[in-house]
Protein backbone atom coordinates (compact mmCIF):
# COMPACT_ATOMS: atom_id res chain seq x y z
CA UNK A 1 3.39 -5.48 2.87
CA UNK A 2 5.82 -8.34 2.34
CA UNK A 3 7.95 -7.25 5.29
CA UNK A 4 4.90 -7.03 7.55
CA UNK A 5 3.85 -10.55 6.60
CA UNK A 6 7.39 -11.83 7.05
CA UNK A 7 7.45 -10.39 10.59
CA UNK A 8 4.13 -12.07 11.38
CA UNK A 9 5.35 -15.41 10.00
CA UNK A 10 8.68 -15.22 11.84
CA UNK A 11 7.12 -14.29 15.16
CA UNK A 12 4.42 -16.95 14.85
CA UNK A 13 7.07 -19.62 14.29
CA UNK A 14 9.02 -18.15 17.19
CA UNK A 15 5.96 -18.30 19.46
CA UNK A 16 5.28 -21.88 18.50
CA UNK A 17 8.81 -23.30 18.52
CA UNK A 18 10.76 -21.17 21.02
CA UNK A 19 10.29 -22.50 24.49
CA UNK A 20 12.27 -19.80 26.29
CA UNK A 21 10.23 -17.87 28.84
CA UNK A 22 12.51 -14.85 28.40
CA UNK A 23 11.90 -14.51 24.65
CA UNK A 24 8.22 -15.49 24.49
CA UNK A 25 6.71 -12.25 25.90
CA UNK A 26 8.97 -10.14 23.71
CA UNK A 27 8.03 -12.11 20.59
CA UNK A 28 4.36 -12.05 21.55
CA UNK A 29 4.38 -8.24 21.84
CA UNK A 30 5.99 -7.90 18.40
CA UNK A 31 3.47 -10.32 16.89
CA UNK A 32 0.50 -8.51 18.44
CA UNK A 33 1.79 -5.09 17.32
CA UNK A 34 2.40 -6.30 13.78
CA UNK A 35 -1.01 -7.94 13.71
CA UNK A 36 -2.79 -4.78 14.78
CA UNK A 37 -0.72 -2.71 12.36
CA UNK A 38 -1.56 -4.90 9.36
CA UNK A 39 -5.06 -3.46 8.67
CA UNK A 40 -3.68 0.10 8.79
CA UNK A 41 -0.86 -0.83 6.44
CA UNK A 42 -3.35 -2.50 4.09
CA UNK A 43 -5.54 0.63 3.94
CA UNK A 44 -2.48 2.82 3.24
CA UNK A 45 -1.33 0.36 0.56
CA UNK A 46 -4.74 0.44 -1.17
CA UNK A 47 -5.02 4.24 -1.05
CA UNK A 48 -1.52 4.77 -2.44
CA UNK A 49 -2.17 2.24 -5.20
CA UNK A 50 -5.40 3.96 -6.21
CA UNK A 51 -3.73 7.36 -6.23
CA UNK A 52 -0.86 6.07 -8.39
CA UNK A 53 -3.29 4.42 -10.82
CA UNK A 54 -5.34 7.62 -11.06
CA UNK A 55 -2.22 9.68 -11.77
CA UNK A 56 -1.14 7.30 -14.53
CA UNK A 57 -4.50 7.48 -16.27
CA UNK A 58 -4.79 11.27 -15.98
CA UNK A 59 -1.27 12.06 -17.19
CA UNK A 60 -1.87 11.31 -20.90
CA UNK A 61 -5.05 13.42 -20.86
CA UNK A 62 -3.23 16.35 -19.26
CA UNK A 63 -0.45 16.15 -21.85
CA UNK A 64 -3.02 16.10 -24.66
CA UNK A 65 -4.63 19.24 -23.25
CA UNK A 66 -1.23 20.91 -23.03
CA UNK A 67 -0.48 20.33 -26.73
CA UNK A 68 -3.95 21.67 -27.60
CA UNK A 69 -5.43 18.42 -28.90
CA UNK A 70 -8.23 18.44 -26.35
CA UNK A 71 -10.36 21.17 -24.88
CA UNK A 72 -9.18 21.62 -21.28
CA UNK A 73 -12.70 22.32 -19.96
CA UNK A 74 -14.64 19.29 -21.17
CA UNK A 75 -11.83 16.91 -22.23
CA UNK A 76 -13.26 16.35 -25.69
CA UNK A 77 -11.20 16.51 -28.90
CA UNK A 78 -10.93 20.00 -30.35
CA UNK A 79 -12.72 20.64 -33.62
CA UNK A 80 -10.60 22.30 -36.25
């Protein structure tokens, strides 16, 4: 995410400050591609973050079921 934003910032400065007609179309294409790619990257970032968070919260419960502290079917503490 940070790299994508850095590319957008660098190319926007380049478009604004570089007056060369040879570099401007090249920089414009990079800026447009990075801009259109940003929403896709954001969705991937959110989905991966949610998956990681879900795995971190489920791991302690799975370990508890493995050591027979919880019933594996309904995830409630076992009665002894």
